[in-house]
Amino acid sequence: MIIKEEFLSRLRKIFDLNLYEARVWTALLSRGTSTAGELSNISDVPRSRTYDILESLEKKGFIVMKVGKPIKFVALKPEEVVERVKKNLVVDAQEKSRRLEKLRGDEVLEELNGLFSNGIKFVEPSDLSGSLRGRQNMYNHLDMMIRGAERTITIVTTAEGLNRKMEMLLPGLERAKKRGVIIRIAAPITNANLKIAKDLNKIAEVRNLDSKLTARFAVVDSNQVMFMLLDDKSIHPNYDVAVWLSTEFFAKAMEQMFELAWNTFSKVR
């Protein structure tokens, strides 16, 4: 049986399979029911590995083992496999989430925090910097900055970026507001994001940035700054890039420049 590598690659990504699992599964789909030996020959997977692969596929809900001798395996309808995989993912995610929640107050987390606290003492302030690739990573880091904010949060973004930040950062911004953090957001306000701007205005002061000005950065507590290097209109989210710096000198300079322009921006009403 000849299956294109491109097709196998797609299956691996979609269903989170390794190469041997993808080969054995497609081989079984082509036969409906088969023995491990037959599948080894068809899929070109070593016989010594085939039973382990079939056991793995059975646990994941892709196939069923048929009782009898010789032992045979039955392929399930692909639509049924999709539903099973979805359910398994939800159960797995819930279990992992529960385990992580149990870490709060656990000695494991305390020990990890101790390692971090001791290690950070040896780090020069100028070394606390890094690059972030991919918009999801960027927003995760920005959310971390927001969750740790104690005094101020300043965000400058694009018209499209305002919509994304409402979706990704709203819970963190709401909690920061409750802590008494002053939040200011500047972005070009258009018909497409006016409602979002008004909703954000309930927890932050939002002002209309001149559409000719294009900037993407955030400053937290006058000591952390994160700025995006690329135009979000012309870059795929996976290839977006940002730089994060923990430096009071540069962060204060950014805020001072922002202050000069802030009062020239019109308020959102």
C-alpha atoms as a PDB file:
ATOM      1  CA  MET A   1       0.000   0.000   0.000  1.00  0.00           C
ATOM      2  CA  ILE A   2       1.436   3.338  -1.045  1.00  0.00           C
ATOM      3  CA  ILE A   3       0.365   6.383   0.972  1.00  0.00           C
ATOM      4  CA  LYS A   4       1.847   9.760   0.193  1.00  0.00           C
ATOM      5  CA  GLU A   5       4.139  11.072   2.900  1.00  0.00           C
ATOM      6  CA  GLU A   6       2.376  14.445   2.736  1.00  0.00           C
ATOM      7  CA  PHE A   7      -0.927  12.763   3.629  1.00  0.00           C
ATOM      8  CA  LEU A   8       0.690  10.840   6.488  1.00  0.00           C
ATOM      9  CA  SER A   9       2.256  14.042   7.752  1.00  0.00           C
ATOM     10  CA  ARG A  10      -1.151  15.742   7.855  1.00  0.00           C
ATOM     11  CA  LEU A  11      -2.663  12.812   9.732  1.00  0.00           C
ATOM     12  CA  ARG A  12       0.146  12.918  12.294  1.00  0.00           C
ATOM     13  CA  LYS A  13      -0.440  16.609  12.985  1.00  0.00           C
ATOM     14  CA  ILE A  14      -4.231  16.389  13.078  1.00  0.00           C
ATOM     15  CA  PHE A  15      -4.496  13.253  15.234  1.00  0.00           C
ATOM     16  CA  ASP A  16      -1.210  13.588  17.164  1.00  0.00           C
ATOM     17  CA  LEU A  17       0.202  10.283  15.899  1.00  0.00           C
ATOM     18  CA  ASN A  18       3.756   9.153  15.284  1.00  0.00           C
ATOM     19  CA  LEU A  19       4.794   7.887  11.846  1.00  0.00           C
ATOM     20  CA  TYR A  20       4.330   4.195  12.617  1.00  0.00           C
ATOM     21  CA  GLU A  21       0.872   4.795  14.109  1.00  0.00           C
ATOM     22  CA  ALA A  22      -0.215   6.712  11.010  1.00  0.00           C
ATOM     23  CA  ARG A  23       1.073   3.960   8.709  1.00  0.00           C
ATOM     24  CA  VAL A  24      -0.551   1.106  10.637  1.00  0.00           C
ATOM     25  CA  TRP A  25      -3.858   2.963  10.988  1.00  0.00           C
ATOM     26  CA  THR A  26      -4.126   3.777   7.282  1.00  0.00           C
ATOM     27  CA  ALA A  27      -3.153   0.209   6.453  1.00  0.00           C
ATOM     28  CA  LEU A  28      -5.953  -1.121   8.647  1.00  0.00           C
ATOM     29  CA  LEU A  29      -8.422   1.364   7.159  1.00  0.00           C
ATOM     30  CA  SER A  30      -7.591  -0.012   3.718  1.00  0.00           C
ATOM     31  CA  ARG A  31      -8.331  -3.570   4.860  1.00  0.00           C
ATOM     32  CA  GLY A  32     -11.141  -3.087   7.377  1.00  0.00           C
ATOM     33  CA  THR A  33      -9.904  -5.994   9.481  1.00  0.00           C
ATOM     34  CA  SER A  34      -6.470  -7.583   9.604  1.00  0.00           C
ATOM     35  CA  THR A  35      -3.832  -9.336  11.701  1.00  0.00           C
ATOM     36  CA  ALA A  36      -0.724  -7.686  13.089  1.00  0.00           C
ATOM     37  CA  GLY A  37       1.462  -9.635  10.689  1.00  0.00           C
ATOM     38  CA  GLU A  38      -0.519  -8.531   7.658  1.00  0.00           C
ATOM     39  CA  LEU A  39      -0.467  -4.917   8.797  1.00  0.00           C
ATOM     40  CA  SER A  40       3.298  -5.088   9.300  1.00  0.00           C
ATOM     41  CA  ASN A  41       3.757  -6.174   5.705  1.00  0.00           C
ATOM     42  CA  ILE A  42       1.319  -3.631   4.295  1.00  0.00           C
ATOM     43  CA  SER A  43       2.527  -0.657   6.314  1.00  0.00           C
ATOM     44  CA  ASP A  44       6.237  -1.459   6.182  1.00  0.00           C
ATOM     45  CA  VAL A  45       6.415  -1.198   9.977  1.00  0.00           C
ATOM     46  CA  PRO A  46       8.737  -3.685  11.766  1.00  0.00           C
ATOM     47  CA  ARG A  47       6.789  -6.655  13.111  1.00  0.00           C
ATOM     48  CA  SER A  48       8.432  -6.214  16.519  1.00  0.00           C
ATOM     49  CA  ARG A  49       6.815  -2.762  16.769  1.00  0.00           C
ATOM     50  CA  THR A  50       3.431  -3.527  15.222  1.00  0.00           C
ATOM     51  CA  TYR A  51       1.776  -4.985  18.342  1.00  0.00           C
ATOM     52  CA  ASP A  52       2.846  -2.007  20.445  1.00  0.00           C
ATOM     53  CA  ILE A  53       1.521   0.351  17.783  1.00  0.00           C
ATOM     54  CA  LEU A  54      -1.803  -1.473  17.584  1.00  0.00           C
ATOM     55  CA  GLU A  55      -2.138  -1.411  21.369  1.00  0.00           C
ATOM     56  CA  SER A  56      -1.494   2.336  21.329  1.00  0.00           C
ATOM     57  CA  LEU A  57      -4.090   2.892  18.592  1.00  0.00           C
ATOM     58  CA  GLU A  58      -6.607   0.816  20.534  1.00  0.00           C
ATOM     59  CA  LYS A  59      -6.101   2.912  23.680  1.00  0.00           C
ATOM     60  CA  LYS A  60      -6.552   6.088  21.651  1.00  0.00           C
ATOM     61  CA  GLY A  61      -9.847   4.822  20.242  1.00  0.00           C
ATOM     62  CA  PHE A  62      -8.773   4.341  16.609  1.00  0.00           C
ATOM     63  CA  ILE A  63      -9.298   0.588  16.372  1.00  0.00           C
ATOM     64  CA  VAL A  64     -10.914  -2.394  18.135  1.00  0.00           C
ATOM     65  CA  MET A  65      -9.321  -5.774  18.855  1.00  0.00           C
ATOM     66  CA  LYS A  66     -11.394  -8.705  17.652  1.00  0.00           C
ATOM     67  CA  VAL A  67     -11.668 -11.663  20.029  1.00  0.00           C
ATOM     68  CA  GLY A  68     -10.477 -14.987  18.619  1.00  0.00           C
ATOM     69  CA  LYS A  69      -7.463 -16.643  17.052  1.00  0.00           C
ATOM     70  CA  PRO A  70      -5.587 -15.374  15.240  1.00  0.00           C
ATOM     71  CA  ILE A  71      -6.030 -12.000  16.886  1.00  0.00           C
ATOM     72  CA  LYS A  72      -7.411  -9.483  14.411  1.00  0.00           C
ATOM     73  CA  PHE A  73      -7.966  -5.773  14.561  1.00  0.00           C
ATOM     74  CA  VAL A  74     -10.964  -3.870  13.210  1.00  0.00           C
ATOM     75  CA  ALA A  75     -10.869  -0.318  11.881  1.00  0.00           C
ATOM     76  CA  LEU A  76     -13.479   2.126  13.102  1.00  0.00           C
ATOM     77  CA  LYS A  77     -15.262   4.619  10.887  1.00  0.00           C
ATOM     78  CA  PRO A  78     -13.105   7.777  10.604  1.00  0.00           C
ATOM     79  CA  GLU A  79     -15.997   9.997  11.756  1.00  0.00           C
ATOM     80  CA  GLU A  80     -16.235   7.903  14.931  1.00  0.00           C
ATOM     81  CA  VAL A  81     -12.482   8.182  15.448  1.00  0.00           C
ATOM     82  CA  VAL A  82     -12.716  11.982  15.202  1.00  0.00           C
ATOM     83  CA  GLU A  83     -15.408  12.065  17.903  1.00  0.00           C
ATOM     84  CA  ARG A  84     -13.430   9.745  20.166  1.00  0.00           C
ATOM     85  CA  VAL A  85     -10.241  11.762  19.756  1.00  0.00           C
ATOM     86  CA  LYS A  86     -12.125  14.974  20.580  1.00  0.00           C
ATOM     87  CA  LYS A  87     -13.569  13.455  23.751  1.00  0.00           C
ATOM     88  CA  ASN A  88     -10.197  12.064  24.798  1.00  0.00           C
ATOM     89  CA  LEU A  89      -8.579  15.468  24.277  1.00  0.00           C
ATOM     90  CA  VAL A  90     -11.177  17.151  26.484  1.00  0.00           C
ATOM     91  CA  VAL A  91     -10.768  14.528  29.231  1.00  0.00           C
ATOM     92  CA  ASP A  92      -6.968  14.745  29.003  1.00  0.00           C
ATOM     93  CA  ALA A  93      -7.013  18.556  29.121  1.00  0.00           C
ATOM     94  CA  GLN A  94      -9.339  18.552  32.133  1.00  0.00           C
ATOM     95  CA  GLU A  95      -7.122  16.084  33.970  1.00  0.00           C
ATOM     96  CA  LYS A  96      -3.974  18.106  33.269  1.00  0.00           C
ATOM     97  CA  SER A  97      -5.759  21.278  34.350  1.00  0.00           C
ATOM     98  CA  ARG A  98      -6.782  19.630  37.636  1.00  0.00           C
ATOM     99  CA  ARG A  99      -3.199  18.516  38.287  1.00  0.00           C
ATOM    100  CA  LEU A 100      -1.895  22.025  37.664  1.00  0.00           C
ATOM    101  CA  GLU A 101      -4.549  23.570  39.902  1.00  0.00           C
ATOM    102  CA  LYS A 102      -3.497  21.233  42.722  1.00  0.00           C
ATOM    103  CA  LEU A 103      -0.012  22.731  42.518  1.00  0.00           C
ATOM    104  CA  ARG A 104      -1.261  25.958  44.098  1.00  0.00           C
ATOM    105  CA  GLY A 105       0.116  25.882  47.622  1.00  0.00           C
ATOM    106  CA  ASP A 106       1.810  22.538  46.980  1.00  0.00           C
ATOM    107  CA  GLU A 107       5.403  22.013  48.151  1.00  0.00           C
ATOM    108  CA  VAL A 108       6.425  21.299  44.543  1.00  0.00           C
ATOM    109  CA  LEU A 109       5.442  24.809  43.474  1.00  0.00           C
ATOM    110  CA  GLU A 110       7.085  26.285  46.570  1.00  0.00           C
ATOM    111  CA  GLU A 111      10.325  24.493  45.707  1.00  0.00           C
ATOM    112  CA  LEU A 112      10.144  25.675  42.096  1.00  0.00           C
ATOM    113  CA  ASN A 113       9.571  29.249  43.268  1.00  0.00           C
ATOM    114  CA  GLY A 114      12.516  28.888  45.616  1.00  0.00           C
ATOM    115  CA  LEU A 115      14.752  27.780  42.766  1.00  0.00           C
ATOM    116  CA  PHE A 116      13.607  30.734  40.677  1.00  0.00           C
ATOM    117  CA  SER A 117      14.001  33.275  43.501  1.00  0.00           C
ATOM    118  CA  ASN A 118      17.506  32.082  44.323  1.00  0.00           C
ATOM    119  CA  GLY A 119      18.514  31.930  40.682  1.00  0.00           C
ATOM    120  CA  ILE A 120      17.186  35.372  39.803  1.00  0.00           C
ATOM    121  CA  LYS A 121      19.490  36.948  42.402  1.00  0.00           C
ATOM    122  CA  PHE A 122      22.472  36.137  40.198  1.00  0.00           C
ATOM    123  CA  VAL A 123      20.936  37.654  37.075  1.00  0.00           C
ATOM    124  CA  GLU A 124      21.980  41.133  36.039  1.00  0.00           C
ATOM    125  CA  PRO A 125      18.986  43.425  35.315  1.00  0.00           C
ATOM    126  CA  SER A 126      20.314  43.929  31.800  1.00  0.00           C
ATOM    127  CA  ASP A 127      20.076  40.150  31.218  1.00  0.00           C
ATOM    128  CA  LEU A 128      16.336  40.095  31.908  1.00  0.00           C
ATOM    129  CA  SER A 129      15.327  40.307  28.275  1.00  0.00           C
ATOM    130  CA  GLY A 130      14.226  38.004  25.513  1.00  0.00           C
ATOM    131  CA  SER A 131      12.574  37.638  22.139  1.00  0.00           C
ATOM    132  CA  LEU A 132       9.148  36.119  21.637  1.00  0.00           C
ATOM    133  CA  ARG A 133       8.099  34.442  18.407  1.00  0.00           C
ATOM    134  CA  GLY A 134       4.483  33.763  17.511  1.00  0.00           C
ATOM    135  CA  ARG A 135       1.531  35.918  18.515  1.00  0.00           C
ATOM    136  CA  GLN A 136       0.199  33.399  21.031  1.00  0.00           C
ATOM    137  CA  ASN A 137       3.535  33.387  22.881  1.00  0.00           C
ATOM    138  CA  MET A 138       3.557  37.180  22.785  1.00  0.00           C
ATOM    139  CA  TYR A 139       0.095  37.429  24.318  1.00  0.00           C
ATOM    140  CA  ASN A 140       0.923  34.807  26.949  1.00  0.00           C
ATOM    141  CA  HIS A 141       3.919  36.877  28.043  1.00  0.00           C
ATOM    142  CA  LEU A 142       1.970  40.130  27.949  1.00  0.00           C
ATOM    143  CA  ASP A 143      -0.738  38.507  30.065  1.00  0.00           C
ATOM    144  CA  MET A 144       1.938  37.502  32.583  1.00  0.00           C
ATOM    145  CA  MET A 145       3.152  41.119  32.732  1.00  0.00           C
ATOM    146  CA  ILE A 146      -0.414  42.333  33.264  1.00  0.00           C
ATOM    147  CA  ARG A 147      -1.077  39.783  36.023  1.00  0.00           C
ATOM    148  CA  GLY A 148       2.002  41.025  37.856  1.00  0.00           C
ATOM    149  CA  ALA A 149       1.224  44.735  37.418  1.00  0.00           C
ATOM    150  CA  GLU A 150       1.035  46.776  40.620  1.00  0.00           C
ATOM    151  CA  ARG A 151       0.727  50.400  39.480  1.00  0.00           C
ATOM    152  CA  THR A 152       0.337  51.106  35.759  1.00  0.00           C
ATOM    153  CA  ILE A 153      -0.292  49.396  32.437  1.00  0.00           C
ATOM    154  CA  THR A 154       0.209  51.289  29.183  1.00  0.00           C
ATOM    155  CA  ILE A 155      -0.711  49.651  25.883  1.00  0.00           C
ATOM    156  CA  VAL A 156      -0.401  51.088  22.381  1.00  0.00           C
ATOM    157  CA  THR A 157      -1.703  48.924  19.565  1.00  0.00           C
ATOM    158  CA  THR A 158      -3.269  48.858  16.108  1.00  0.00           C
ATOM    159  CA  ALA A 159      -6.960  48.901  15.226  1.00  0.00           C
ATOM    160  CA  GLU A 160      -6.922  45.135  14.661  1.00  0.00           C
ATOM    161  CA  GLY A 161      -4.772  44.597  17.731  1.00  0.00           C
ATOM    162  CA  LEU A 162      -7.382  46.233  19.968  1.00  0.00           C
ATOM    163  CA  ASN A 163      -9.899  43.524  19.052  1.00  0.00           C
ATOM    164  CA  ARG A 164      -7.368  40.766  19.720  1.00  0.00           C
ATOM    165  CA  LYS A 165      -6.351  42.196  23.088  1.00  0.00           C
ATOM    166  CA  MET A 166      -9.961  42.415  24.216  1.00  0.00           C
ATOM    167  CA  GLU A 167     -10.293  38.700  23.506  1.00  0.00           C
ATOM    168  CA  MET A 168      -6.946  37.544  24.915  1.00  0.00           C
ATOM    169  CA  LEU A 169      -6.204  39.930  27.785  1.00  0.00           C
ATOM    170  CA  LEU A 170      -9.573  41.035  29.172  1.00  0.00           C
ATOM    171  CA  PRO A 171      -9.617  38.756  32.266  1.00  0.00           C
ATOM    172  CA  GLY A 172      -6.141  39.886  33.302  1.00  0.00           C
ATOM    173  CA  LEU A 173      -6.973  43.542  32.710  1.00  0.00           C
ATOM    174  CA  GLU A 174     -10.172  43.250  34.767  1.00  0.00           C
ATOM    175  CA  ARG A 175      -8.262  41.765  37.703  1.00  0.00           C
ATOM    176  CA  ALA A 176      -5.613  44.478  37.401  1.00  0.00           C
ATOM    177  CA  LYS A 177      -8.337  47.121  37.521  1.00  0.00           C
ATOM    178  CA  LYS A 178      -9.689  45.601  40.740  1.00  0.00           C
ATOM    179  CA  ARG A 179      -6.193  45.806  42.235  1.00  0.00           C
ATOM    180  CA  GLY A 180      -6.212  49.545  41.571  1.00  0.00           C
ATOM    181  CA  VAL A 181      -3.834  49.445  38.605  1.00  0.00           C
ATOM    182  CA  ILE A 182      -4.164  52.421  36.237  1.00  0.00           C
ATOM    183  CA  ILE A 183      -4.702  51.146  32.694  1.00  0.00           C
ATOM    184  CA  ARG A 184      -4.310  53.276  29.561  1.00  0.00           C
ATOM    185  CA  ILE A 185      -4.813  52.024  26.017  1.00  0.00           C
ATOM    186  CA  ALA A 186      -4.276  53.920  22.766  1.00  0.00           C
ATOM    187  CA  ALA A 187      -5.274  52.593  19.337  1.00  0.00           C
ATOM    188  CA  PRO A 188      -6.861  53.859  16.115  1.00  0.00           C
ATOM    189  CA  ILE A 189     -10.629  53.683  16.688  1.00  0.00           C
ATOM    190  CA  THR A 190     -12.671  52.580  13.677  1.00  0.00           C
ATOM    191  CA  ASN A 191     -16.202  51.395  13.059  1.00  0.00           C
ATOM    192  CA  ALA A 192     -14.875  47.841  13.299  1.00  0.00           C
ATOM    193  CA  ASN A 193     -13.533  48.228  16.837  1.00  0.00           C
ATOM    194  CA  LEU A 194     -15.615  51.050  18.329  1.00  0.00           C
ATOM    195  CA  LYS A 195     -17.775  48.663  20.375  1.00  0.00           C
ATOM    196  CA  ILE A 196     -14.671  46.891  21.675  1.00  0.00           C
ATOM    197  CA  ALA A 197     -13.135  50.246  22.615  1.00  0.00           C
ATOM    198  CA  LYS A 198     -16.265  51.233  24.543  1.00  0.00           C
ATOM    199  CA  ASP A 199     -16.271  47.901  26.392  1.00  0.00           C
ATOM    200  CA  LEU A 200     -12.602  48.319  27.302  1.00  0.00           C
ATOM    201  CA  ASN A 201     -13.320  51.863  28.428  1.00  0.00           C
ATOM    202  CA  LYS A 202     -15.141  50.372  31.429  1.00  0.00           C
ATOM    203  CA  ILE A 203     -11.869  49.083  32.883  1.00  0.00           C
ATOM    204  CA  ALA A 204      -9.305  51.338  31.180  1.00  0.00           C
ATOM    205  CA  GLU A 205      -8.972  54.797  29.712  1.00  0.00           C
ATOM    206  CA  VAL A 206      -9.047  54.250  25.970  1.00  0.00           C
ATOM    207  CA  ARG A 207      -8.038  56.979  23.539  1.00  0.00           C
ATOM    208  CA  ASN A 208      -8.080  57.290  19.784  1.00  0.00           C
ATOM    209  CA  LEU A 209      -4.641  57.090  18.233  1.00  0.00           C
ATOM    210  CA  ASP A 210      -4.066  58.868  14.917  1.00  0.00           C
ATOM    211  CA  SER A 211      -4.366  56.193  12.198  1.00  0.00           C
ATOM    212  CA  LYS A 212      -1.170  57.516  10.626  1.00  0.00           C
ATOM    213  CA  LEU A 213       0.737  56.519  13.738  1.00  0.00           C
ATOM    214  CA  THR A 214       1.551  52.825  13.882  1.00  0.00           C
ATOM    215  CA  ALA A 215       2.989  51.378  17.070  1.00  0.00           C
ATOM    216  CA  ARG A 216       2.678  48.195  19.097  1.00  0.00           C
ATOM    217  CA  PHE A 217       4.109  48.182  22.595  1.00  0.00           C
ATOM    218  CA  ALA A 218       3.259  47.814  26.268  1.00  0.00           C
ATOM    219  CA  VAL A 219       4.846  49.227  29.417  1.00  0.00           C
ATOM    220  CA  VAL A 220       4.072  47.859  32.887  1.00  0.00           C
ATOM    221  CA  ASP A 221       4.960  49.546  36.189  1.00  0.00           C
ATOM    222  CA  SER A 222       7.603  51.700  34.502  1.00  0.00           C
ATOM    223  CA  ASN A 223      10.040  48.787  34.633  1.00  0.00           C
ATOM    224  CA  GLN A 224       8.978  46.310  31.951  1.00  0.00           C
ATOM    225  CA  VAL A 225       8.479  47.001  28.270  1.00  0.00           C
ATOM    226  CA  MET A 226       7.435  44.781  25.396  1.00  0.00           C
ATOM    227  CA  PHE A 227       7.426  46.026  21.837  1.00  0.00           C
ATOM    228  CA  MET A 228       6.421  44.276  18.639  1.00  0.00           C
ATOM    229  CA  LEU A 229       8.809  44.505  15.726  1.00  0.00           C
ATOM    230  CA  LEU A 230       6.522  43.876  12.765  1.00  0.00           C
ATOM    231  CA  ASP A 231       3.365  45.267  11.157  1.00  0.00           C
ATOM    232  CA  ASP A 232       0.511  42.972  12.179  1.00  0.00           C
ATOM    233  CA  LYS A 233      -1.241  43.620   8.861  1.00  0.00           C
ATOM    234  CA  SER A 234       1.533  42.062   6.810  1.00  0.00           C
ATOM    235  CA  ILE A 235       2.760  39.208   8.997  1.00  0.00           C
ATOM    236  CA  HIS A 236       1.270  35.798   9.770  1.00  0.00           C
ATOM    237  CA  PRO A 237       0.513  35.393  13.508  1.00  0.00           C
ATOM    238  CA  ASN A 238       2.958  32.468  13.731  1.00  0.00           C
ATOM    239  CA  TYR A 239       5.819  34.673  12.537  1.00  0.00           C
ATOM    240  CA  ASP A 240       5.073  37.762  14.595  1.00  0.00           C
ATOM    241  CA  VAL A 241       8.014  38.817  16.770  1.00  0.00           C
ATOM    242  CA  ALA A 242       8.341  40.857  19.965  1.00  0.00           C
ATOM    243  CA  VAL A 243      11.125  41.851  22.339  1.00  0.00           C
ATOM    244  CA  TRP A 244      10.687  41.967  26.113  1.00  0.00           C
ATOM    245  CA  LEU A 245      12.956  44.002  28.382  1.00  0.00           C
ATOM    246  CA  SER A 246      12.992  44.397  32.145  1.00  0.00           C
ATOM    247  CA  THR A 247      14.720  47.735  32.412  1.00  0.00           C
ATOM    248  CA  GLU A 248      13.510  50.699  34.440  1.00  0.00           C
ATOM    249  CA  PHE A 249      15.636  53.159  32.443  1.00  0.00           C
ATOM    250  CA  PHE A 250      14.177  52.290  29.036  1.00  0.00           C
ATOM    251  CA  ALA A 251      10.632  51.670  30.321  1.00  0.00           C
ATOM    252  CA  LYS A 252      10.507  55.106  31.948  1.00  0.00           C
ATOM    253  CA  ALA A 253      11.791  56.711  28.752  1.00  0.00           C
ATOM    254  CA  MET A 254       9.010  54.996  26.776  1.00  0.00           C
ATOM    255  CA  GLU A 255       6.376  56.192  29.248  1.00  0.00           C
ATOM    256  CA  GLN A 256       7.693  59.755  29.181  1.00  0.00           C
ATOM    257  CA  MET A 257       7.430  59.839  25.387  1.00  0.00           C
ATOM    258  CA  PHE A 258       3.963  58.352  25.636  1.00  0.00           C
ATOM    259  CA  GLU A 259       2.916  61.028  28.141  1.00  0.00           C
ATOM    260  CA  LEU A 260       3.799  63.774  25.649  1.00  0.00           C
ATOM    261  CA  ALA A 261       1.397  62.289  23.095  1.00  0.00           C
ATOM    262  CA  TRP A 262      -1.337  60.976  25.433  1.00  0.00           C
ATOM    263  CA  ASN A 263      -3.134  64.277  25.946  1.00  0.00           C
ATOM    264  CA  THR A 264      -3.289  64.844  22.179  1.00  0.00           C
ATOM    265  CA  PHE A 265      -5.383  61.698  21.700  1.00  0.00           C
ATOM    266  CA  SER A 266      -9.150  62.064  21.790  1.00  0.00           C
ATOM    267  CA  LYS A 267     -11.146  60.143  24.408  1.00  0.00           C
ATOM    268  CA  VAL A 268     -13.501  57.311  23.493  1.00  0.00           C
ATOM    269  CA  ARG A 269     -17.068  58.048  24.555  1.00  0.00           C
END
